[in-house]
Amino acid sequence: GMSGALAGGADPASVRCVEGYCRSLGLAFQIQDDILDLEGTVEELGKNTGHDQKKQTYPRAIGLSASKARAERLFEEAAESLRGLNKKTDFFLELLENLSGRRK
């Protein structure tokens, strides 16, 4: 994790960039999962949907369209976090594309 990055000689600014990326991407992925759980089908996901019935989710709290907009903004924030890195970010960008469903 972050302690490994620090031990590996990463500068604090780079660690903050990666932390911001991870935080934004993690929350965006959770919101996206909540949305898929509402919209998806058993065939698409390979699991029963609606399993979050008792759990408070973003779509339940703020609505579906607001949740989609929030997830999109978080994916953008994750990408913005990478701009502060002076190292190759291909892996992080590829992960972001895969999780958000975006392509370059």
Protein backbone atom coordinates (compact mmCIF):
# COMPACT_ATOMS: atom_id res chain seq x y z
CA GLY A 1 0.00 0.00 0.00
CA MET A 2 1.04 3.54 0.71
CA SER A 3 3.67 2.49 3.26
CA GLY A 4 5.23 0.33 0.55
CA ALA A 5 5.28 3.30 -1.80
CA LEU A 6 6.98 5.45 0.82
CA ALA A 7 9.48 2.73 1.66
CA GLY A 8 10.16 2.39 -2.07
CA GLY A 9 11.23 6.01 -2.20
CA ALA A 10 8.09 7.60 -3.62
CA ASP A 11 7.90 11.28 -2.82
CA PRO A 12 4.99 12.46 -0.61
CA ALA A 13 3.35 14.36 -3.49
CA SER A 14 3.24 11.18 -5.60
CA VAL A 15 1.82 9.23 -2.67
CA ARG A 16 -0.93 11.86 -2.29
CA CYS A 17 -1.72 11.58 -6.01
CA VAL A 18 -2.06 7.81 -5.79
CA GLU A 19 -4.14 8.07 -2.62
CA GLY A 20 -6.50 10.53 -4.31
CA TYR A 21 -6.73 8.27 -7.34
CA CYS A 22 -7.51 5.22 -5.20
CA ARG A 23 -10.10 7.05 -3.09
CA SER A 24 -11.96 8.48 -6.10
CA LEU A 25 -11.77 5.28 -8.11
CA GLY A 26 -12.89 3.12 -5.19
CA LEU A 27 -15.97 5.22 -4.49
CA ALA A 28 -16.83 5.52 -8.19
CA PHE A 29 -16.60 1.75 -8.54
CA GLN A 30 -18.88 1.24 -5.51
CA ILE A 31 -21.47 3.65 -6.89
CA GLN A 32 -21.25 1.97 -10.30
CA ASP A 33 -21.77 -1.42 -8.62
CA ASP A 34 -24.85 -0.08 -6.82
CA ILE A 35 -26.21 1.23 -10.14
CA LEU A 36 -25.55 -2.10 -11.89
CA ASP A 37 -27.26 -3.89 -9.05
CA LEU A 38 -30.41 -1.89 -9.75
CA GLU A 39 -30.21 -1.91 -13.54
CA GLY A 40 -28.47 -5.18 -14.28
CA THR A 41 -29.91 -8.59 -14.89
CA VAL A 42 -28.84 -11.98 -13.62
CA GLU A 43 -27.61 -12.87 -17.13
CA GLU A 44 -25.45 -9.75 -17.42
CA LEU A 45 -23.83 -9.99 -14.02
CA GLY A 46 -23.83 -13.72 -13.37
CA LYS A 47 -25.33 -13.10 -9.94
CA ASN A 48 -28.66 -12.27 -8.44
CA THR A 49 -29.39 -8.58 -8.55
CA GLY A 50 -31.15 -6.62 -5.89
CA HIS A 51 -29.02 -8.15 -3.14
CA ASP A 52 -28.45 -4.71 -1.64
CA GLN A 53 -32.11 -4.27 -0.69
CA LYS A 54 -31.40 -3.46 2.96
CA LYS A 55 -28.15 -1.58 2.40
CA GLN A 56 -28.09 2.19 1.96
CA THR A 57 -26.74 2.82 -1.52
CA TYR A 58 -26.05 5.95 -3.53
CA PRO A 59 -28.94 5.33 -5.96
CA ARG A 60 -31.32 4.84 -3.03
CA ALA A 61 -30.02 7.97 -1.27
CA ILE A 62 -29.68 10.46 -4.16
CA GLY A 63 -31.37 8.78 -7.14
CA LEU A 64 -30.10 6.98 -10.20
CA SER A 65 -29.22 9.89 -12.49
CA ALA A 66 -27.46 11.79 -9.69
CA SER A 67 -25.52 8.63 -8.85
CA LYS A 68 -24.42 8.21 -12.47
CA ALA A 69 -23.26 11.84 -12.55
CA ARG A 70 -21.41 11.41 -9.22
CA ALA A 71 -19.63 8.26 -10.45
CA GLU A 72 -18.63 10.01 -13.69
CA ARG A 73 -17.21 12.95 -11.73
CA LEU A 74 -15.27 10.60 -9.44
CA PHE A 75 -13.77 8.81 -12.46
CA GLU A 76 -12.70 12.24 -13.76
CA GLU A 77 -11.22 13.13 -10.36
CA ALA A 78 -9.28 9.85 -10.37
CA ALA A 79 -7.84 10.71 -13.80
CA GLU A 80 -7.00 14.23 -12.60
CA SER A 81 -5.12 12.80 -9.61
CA LEU A 82 -2.75 11.04 -12.00
CA ARG A 83 -1.70 14.31 -13.63
CA GLY A 84 0.41 15.08 -10.56
CA LEU A 85 2.50 11.95 -11.03
CA ASN A 86 5.81 12.24 -12.80
CA LYS A 87 5.94 8.53 -13.45
CA LYS A 88 4.31 6.34 -16.06
CA THR A 89 0.59 6.14 -15.39
CA ASP A 90 -0.40 3.60 -18.07
CA PHE A 91 -1.39 0.96 -15.51
CA PHE A 92 -3.57 3.41 -13.55
CA LEU A 93 -5.20 4.79 -16.70
CA GLU A 94 -5.91 1.29 -18.00
CA LEU A 95 -7.50 0.32 -14.68
CA LEU A 96 -9.60 3.49 -14.78
CA GLU A 97 -10.76 2.71 -18.33
CA ASN A 98 -11.64 -0.86 -17.42
CA LEU A 99 -13.63 0.07 -14.32
CA SER A 100 -15.42 3.04 -15.87
CA GLY A 101 -16.15 1.32 -19.17
CA ARG A 102 -14.42 4.16 -21.01
CA ARG A 103 -12.10 3.90 -23.93
CA LYS A 104 -9.52 6.47 -25.06
